[in-house]
C-alpha atoms as a PDB file:
ATOM      1  CA  MET A   1      63.066  76.922 -31.277  1.00  0.00           C
ATOM      2  CA  SER A   2      60.229  76.812 -33.764  1.00  0.00           C
ATOM      3  CA  ILE A   3      62.412  74.759 -36.070  1.00  0.00           C
ATOM      4  CA  ASP A   4      62.916  72.020 -33.461  1.00  0.00           C
ATOM      5  CA  VAL A   5      59.170  71.707 -32.870  1.00  0.00           C
ATOM      6  CA  GLU A   6      58.503  71.575 -36.607  1.00  0.00           C
ATOM      7  CA  TYR A   7      61.147  68.933 -37.077  1.00  0.00           C
ATOM      8  CA  ALA A   8      59.694  66.803 -34.240  1.00  0.00           C
ATOM      9  CA  ILE A   9      56.189  66.983 -35.681  1.00  0.00           C
ATOM     10  CA  LYS A  10      57.171  66.296 -39.270  1.00  0.00           C
ATOM     11  CA  GLN A  11      59.482  63.416 -38.503  1.00  0.00           C
ATOM     12  CA  ASP A  12      57.939  60.136 -39.752  1.00  0.00           C
ATOM     13  CA  ILE A  13      58.306  57.312 -37.250  1.00  0.00           C
ATOM     14  CA  ARG A  14      57.777  53.822 -38.533  1.00  0.00           C
ATOM     15  CA  ASN A  15      56.540  51.325 -35.963  1.00  0.00           C
ATOM     16  CA  ASN A  16      55.979  48.435 -38.351  1.00  0.00           C
ATOM     17  CA  PRO A  17      59.218  46.604 -37.725  1.00  0.00           C
ATOM     18  CA  VAL A  18      58.537  46.452 -33.956  1.00  0.00           C
ATOM     19  CA  VAL A  19      57.405  42.906 -33.149  1.00  0.00           C
ATOM     20  CA  ARG A  20      56.277  41.865 -29.719  1.00  0.00           C
ATOM     21  CA  GLU A  21      57.364  38.434 -28.633  1.00  0.00           C
ATOM     22  CA  VAL A  22      54.951  36.098 -26.853  1.00  0.00           C
ATOM     23  CA  ASP A  23      55.861  35.574 -23.238  1.00  0.00           C
ATOM     24  CA  PRO A  24      55.661  31.785 -22.546  1.00  0.00           C
ATOM     25  CA  SER A  25      54.903  32.199 -18.834  1.00  0.00           C
ATOM     26  CA  GLN A  26      52.126  34.685 -19.564  1.00  0.00           C
ATOM     27  CA  LYS A  27      50.693  32.339 -22.209  1.00  0.00           C
ATOM     28  CA  ARG A  28      50.831  29.422 -19.728  1.00  0.00           C
ATOM     29  CA  GLU A  29      49.060  31.515 -17.104  1.00  0.00           C
ATOM     30  CA  PHE A  30      46.368  32.529 -19.615  1.00  0.00           C
ATOM     31  CA  VAL A  31      45.770  28.901 -20.655  1.00  0.00           C
ATOM     32  CA  ARG A  32      45.632  27.818 -16.994  1.00  0.00           C
ATOM     33  CA  THR A  33      43.134  30.608 -16.211  1.00  0.00           C
ATOM     34  CA  ALA A  34      41.035  29.693 -19.254  1.00  0.00           C
ATOM     35  CA  TRP A  35      40.901  26.024 -18.171  1.00  0.00           C
ATOM     36  CA  LEU A  36      39.994  27.025 -14.617  1.00  0.00           C
ATOM     37  CA  MET A  37      37.177  29.258 -15.837  1.00  0.00           C
ATOM     38  CA  ALA A  38      35.946  26.519 -18.188  1.00  0.00           C
ATOM     39  CA  ALA A  39      35.916  24.051 -15.270  1.00  0.00           C
ATOM     40  CA  ILE A  40      33.992  26.493 -13.081  1.00  0.00           C
ATOM     41  CA  VAL A  41      31.462  27.180 -15.845  1.00  0.00           C
ATOM     42  CA  GLY A  42      31.113  23.418 -16.411  1.00  0.00           C
ATOM     43  CA  MET A  43      30.461  22.788 -12.718  1.00  0.00           C
ATOM     44  CA  VAL A  44      27.887  25.598 -12.580  1.00  0.00           C
ATOM     45  CA  LEU A  45      26.123  24.276 -15.684  1.00  0.00           C
ATOM     46  CA  PHE A  46      26.138  20.735 -14.284  1.00  0.00           C
ATOM     47  CA  SER A  47      24.698  21.997 -10.988  1.00  0.00           C
ATOM     48  CA  CYS A  48      21.992  23.943 -12.827  1.00  0.00           C
ATOM     49  CA  LEU A  49      21.184  20.899 -14.937  1.00  0.00           C
ATOM     50  CA  GLN A  50      20.711  18.780 -11.815  1.00  0.00           C
ATOM     51  CA  HIS A  51      18.585  21.447 -10.162  1.00  0.00           C
ATOM     52  CA  PHE A  52      16.315  21.868 -13.180  1.00  0.00           C
ATOM     53  CA  THR A  53      16.057  18.095 -13.667  1.00  0.00           C
ATOM     54  CA  ILE A  54      14.965  17.643 -10.057  1.00  0.00           C
ATOM     55  CA  THR A  55      12.472  20.492 -10.369  1.00  0.00           C
ATOM     56  CA  ARG A  56      11.042  19.100 -13.604  1.00  0.00           C
ATOM     57  CA  SER A  57      10.814  15.619 -12.067  1.00  0.00           C
ATOM     58  CA  GLY A  58       8.895  17.096  -9.126  1.00  0.00           C
ATOM     59  CA  TYR A  59       6.391  18.666 -11.503  1.00  0.00           C
ATOM     60  CA  GLN A  60       6.043  15.394 -13.393  1.00  0.00           C
ATOM     61  CA  VAL A  61       5.429  13.549 -10.112  1.00  0.00           C
ATOM     62  CA  GLN A  62       2.651  15.998  -9.242  1.00  0.00           C
ATOM     63  CA  VAL A  63       1.040  15.549 -12.662  1.00  0.00           C
ATOM     64  CA  LEU A  64       1.281  11.761 -12.389  1.00  0.00           C
ATOM     65  CA  GLU A  65      -0.214  11.832  -8.868  1.00  0.00           C
ATOM     66  CA  ARG A  66      -3.156  13.883 -10.167  1.00  0.00           C
ATOM     67  CA  GLU A  67      -3.619  11.439 -13.067  1.00  0.00           C
ATOM     68  CA  ARG A  68      -3.432   8.495 -10.646  1.00  0.00           C
ATOM     69  CA  ALA A  69      -6.042  10.084  -8.352  1.00  0.00           C
ATOM     70  CA  ALA A  70      -8.316  10.613 -11.368  1.00  0.00           C
ATOM     71  CA  ALA A  71      -7.745   7.015 -12.500  1.00  0.00           C
ATOM     72  CA  ASP A  72      -8.518   5.753  -8.968  1.00  0.00           C
ATOM     73  CA  ALA A  73     -11.754   7.756  -8.937  1.00  0.00           C
ATOM     74  CA  THR A  74     -12.704   6.364 -12.344  1.00  0.00           C
ATOM     75  CA  ASN A  75     -11.821   2.846 -11.146  1.00  0.00           C
ATOM     76  CA  ARG A  76     -14.055   3.224  -8.065  1.00  0.00           C
ATOM     77  CA  LYS A  77     -16.899   4.504 -10.239  1.00  0.00           C
ATOM     78  CA  LEU A  78     -16.541   1.631 -12.711  1.00  0.00           C
ATOM     79  CA  ARG A  79     -16.404  -0.959  -9.901  1.00  0.00           C
ATOM     80  CA  LEU A  80     -19.573   0.534  -8.437  1.00  0.00           C
ATOM     81  CA  ASP A  81     -21.197   0.354 -11.881  1.00  0.00           C
ATOM     82  CA  ILE A  82     -20.174  -3.319 -12.214  1.00  0.00           C
ATOM     83  CA  GLU A  83     -21.575  -4.181  -8.798  1.00  0.00           C
ATOM     84  CA  THR A  84     -24.778  -2.311  -9.615  1.00  0.00           C
ATOM     85  CA  LEU A  85     -25.132  -4.197 -12.915  1.00  0.00           C
ATOM     86  CA  ARG A  86     -24.475  -7.550 -11.196  1.00  0.00           C
ATOM     87  CA  ALA A  87     -27.100  -6.981  -8.497  1.00  0.00           C
ATOM     88  CA  PRO A  88     -29.436 -10.011  -8.291  1.00  0.00           C
ATOM     89  CA  GLN A  89     -32.564  -7.822  -8.006  1.00  0.00           C
ATOM     90  CA  ARG A  90     -31.667  -6.024 -11.246  1.00  0.00           C
ATOM     91  CA  LEU A  91     -30.929  -9.281 -13.072  1.00  0.00           C
ATOM     92  CA  GLU A  92     -34.228 -10.751 -11.879  1.00  0.00           C
ATOM     93  CA  ARG A  93     -36.150  -7.664 -13.018  1.00  0.00           C
ATOM     94  CA  ILE A  94     -34.492  -7.788 -16.480  1.00  0.00           C
ATOM     95  CA  ALA A  95     -35.195 -11.521 -16.778  1.00  0.00           C
ATOM     96  CA  ILE A  96     -38.880 -11.063 -15.948  1.00  0.00           C
ATOM     97  CA  ASP A  97     -39.571  -7.785 -17.782  1.00  0.00           C
ATOM     98  CA  GLN A  98     -37.420  -7.939 -20.911  1.00  0.00           C
ATOM     99  CA  LEU A  99     -36.795 -11.663 -21.434  1.00  0.00           C
ATOM    100  CA  HIS A 100     -40.281 -12.760 -20.270  1.00  0.00           C
ATOM    101  CA  MET A 101     -38.921 -15.461 -17.986  1.00  0.00           C
ATOM    102  CA  LEU A 102     -40.911 -16.930 -15.131  1.00  0.00           C
ATOM    103  CA  THR A 103     -39.887 -17.624 -11.573  1.00  0.00           C
ATOM    104  CA  PRO A 104     -39.558 -21.414 -11.178  1.00  0.00           C
ATOM    105  CA  SER A 105     -41.893 -23.204  -8.805  1.00  0.00           C
ATOM    106  CA  PRO A 106     -40.402 -25.323  -5.989  1.00  0.00           C
ATOM    107  CA  LYS A 107     -41.512 -28.583  -7.663  1.00  0.00           C
ATOM    108  CA  ASN A 108     -39.637 -27.642 -10.882  1.00  0.00           C
ATOM    109  CA  THR A 109     -36.478 -26.801  -8.984  1.00  0.00           C
ATOM    110  CA  LEU A 110     -33.671 -29.339  -8.728  1.00  0.00           C
ATOM    111  CA  VAL A 111     -30.869 -28.745  -6.230  1.00  0.00           C
ATOM    112  CA  ILE A 112     -27.500 -30.196  -7.158  1.00  0.00           C
ATOM    113  CA  GLU A 113     -24.897 -30.452  -4.450  1.00  0.00           C
ATOM    114  CA  ARG A 114     -21.264 -30.188  -5.262  1.00  0.00           C
ATOM    115  CA  ALA A 115     -19.017 -32.936  -4.017  1.00  0.00           C
ATOM    116  CA  SER A 116     -15.790 -31.710  -2.506  1.00  0.00           C
ATOM    117  CA  PRO A 117     -12.769 -33.206  -4.251  1.00  0.00           C
ATOM    118  CA  SER A 118     -10.877 -35.699  -2.146  1.00  0.00           C
ATOM    119  CA  ALA A 119      -7.128 -35.446  -1.798  1.00  0.00           C
ATOM    120  CA  PRO A 120      -5.299 -37.816  -4.167  1.00  0.00           C
ATOM    121  CA  ASP A 121      -3.201 -40.603  -2.748  1.00  0.00           C
ATOM    122  CA  GLN A 122       0.433 -39.560  -2.251  1.00  0.00           C
ATOM    123  CA  ALA A 123       1.674 -42.702  -3.966  1.00  0.00           C
ATOM    124  CA  ALA A 124      -0.375 -41.925  -7.075  1.00  0.00           C
ATOM    125  CA  VAL A 125       0.985 -38.391  -7.166  1.00  0.00           C
ATOM    126  CA  ALA A 126       4.566 -39.666  -6.807  1.00  0.00           C
ATOM    127  CA  ALA A 127       4.007 -42.264  -9.568  1.00  0.00           C
ATOM    128  CA  ALA A 128       2.651 -39.587 -11.911  1.00  0.00           C
ATOM    129  CA  ARG A 129       5.774 -37.515 -11.483  1.00  0.00           C
END
């Protein structure tokens, strides 16, 4: 019996010539599964892209609203500054103090009235066209 065991252990088996053939149905199923997984991954990535785009747009809207509120506050301040600088009392004070102007007397004052423009004749307007 020891000879049979020795013979079985020492026997050299060559597996090199064994070639496995590719099963066409298994290959088709693998390709179909790969395409399905690629489609699922693509849909998930597209969904994530939309989600992150919407989130980023929301943050940008918040930043732009803050910038707009700051610009509105600056606009109000500048309009107030303009109205303060255009105040007649301030202009009169600058004219008297810095430019050394005098307040005119009533006899040196001349009032000019504006004439309201009259409507042109319709015939003249039609002839001009």
